Amino acid sequence: MTVCLISCLIIMGIKMYLDQPYKDILVIFAATNSGRNLYIGLRTKSVVYTVLGVMWGIMSVVFLVDFLM
């Protein structure tokens, strides 16, 4: 999780510096968090992690639609 956050922030900073669109990094970050939380939630049968995974998944779809528009 921490490695994903740090690498996404570094890549986002580089893309902002080079005037490139950076919203694709938000999609990657949200999808990674969704997968992680869904894996933990389904593995341990924890409702909280499952709900968080679904919410991150919805956010990744929203970020993807925003990136494609």
Protein backbone atom coordinates (compact mmCIF):
# COMPACT_ATOMS: atom_id res chain seq x y z
CA MET A 1 0.00 0.00 0.00
CA THR A 2 2.71 2.45 0.95
CA VAL A 3 4.84 1.54 -2.05
CA CYS A 4 1.83 2.04 -4.35
CA LEU A 5 1.09 5.45 -2.82
CA ILE A 6 4.68 6.65 -3.05
CA SER A 7 5.18 5.41 -6.61
CA CYS A 8 1.87 6.93 -7.74
CA LEU A 9 2.78 10.27 -6.18
CA ILE A 10 6.21 10.24 -7.83
CA ILE A 11 4.78 9.36 -11.24
CA MET A 12 2.01 11.94 -10.81
CA GLY A 13 4.57 14.62 -9.92
CA ILE A 14 6.67 13.79 -12.96
CA LYS A 15 3.62 13.88 -15.23
CA MET A 16 2.50 17.22 -13.77
CA TYR A 17 5.98 18.64 -14.28
CA LEU A 18 5.97 17.51 -17.94
CA ASP A 19 2.41 18.87 -18.49
CA GLN A 20 1.04 15.38 -19.20
CA PRO A 21 -2.43 14.22 -18.12
CA TYR A 22 -2.09 12.55 -14.74
CA LYS A 23 -5.59 11.28 -14.00
CA ASP A 24 -4.66 7.79 -15.17
CA ILE A 25 -2.48 7.46 -12.08
CA LEU A 26 -5.57 8.06 -9.92
CA VAL A 27 -7.29 5.16 -11.71
CA ILE A 28 -4.32 2.88 -10.97
CA PHE A 29 -4.23 3.92 -7.32
CA ALA A 30 -7.98 3.43 -6.81
CA ALA A 31 -7.99 0.06 -8.59
CA THR A 32 -5.04 -1.14 -6.52
CA ASN A 33 -6.77 -0.15 -3.28
CA SER A 34 -9.97 -1.80 -4.47
CA GLY A 35 -8.23 -5.08 -5.19
CA ARG A 36 -6.35 -5.03 -1.91
CA ASN A 37 -9.42 -4.30 0.21
CA LEU A 38 -11.59 -6.82 -1.65
CA TYR A 39 -8.93 -9.49 -1.23
CA ILE A 40 -8.64 -8.88 2.51
CA GLY A 41 -12.42 -8.58 2.92
CA LEU A 42 -13.24 -11.76 1.08
CA ARG A 43 -10.37 -13.69 2.65
CA THR A 44 -11.24 -12.75 6.24
CA LYS A 45 -14.99 -12.33 5.62
CA SER A 46 -14.79 -8.78 6.93
CA VAL A 47 -17.69 -6.60 5.83
CA VAL A 48 -15.75 -3.38 6.36
CA TYR A 49 -12.94 -4.30 3.97
CA THR A 50 -15.41 -5.63 1.41
CA VAL A 51 -17.41 -2.39 1.48
CA LEU A 52 -14.19 -0.37 1.23
CA GLY A 53 -13.12 -2.48 -1.74
CA VAL A 54 -16.41 -1.91 -3.51
CA MET A 55 -16.23 1.84 -2.82
CA TRP A 56 -12.65 2.05 -4.16
CA GLY A 57 -13.81 0.08 -7.20
CA ILE A 58 -16.59 2.57 -7.85
CA MET A 59 -14.10 5.42 -7.45
CA SER A 60 -11.74 3.79 -9.95
CA VAL A 61 -14.58 3.56 -12.49
CA VAL A 62 -15.47 7.22 -11.85
CA PHE A 63 -11.83 8.25 -12.29
CA LEU A 64 -11.59 6.17 -15.49
CA VAL A 65 -14.70 7.81 -16.97
CA ASP A 66 -13.36 11.23 -15.98
CA PHE A 67 -9.99 10.39 -17.57
CA LEU A 68 -11.62 9.24 -20.82
CA MET A 69 -13.86 12.32 -21.11
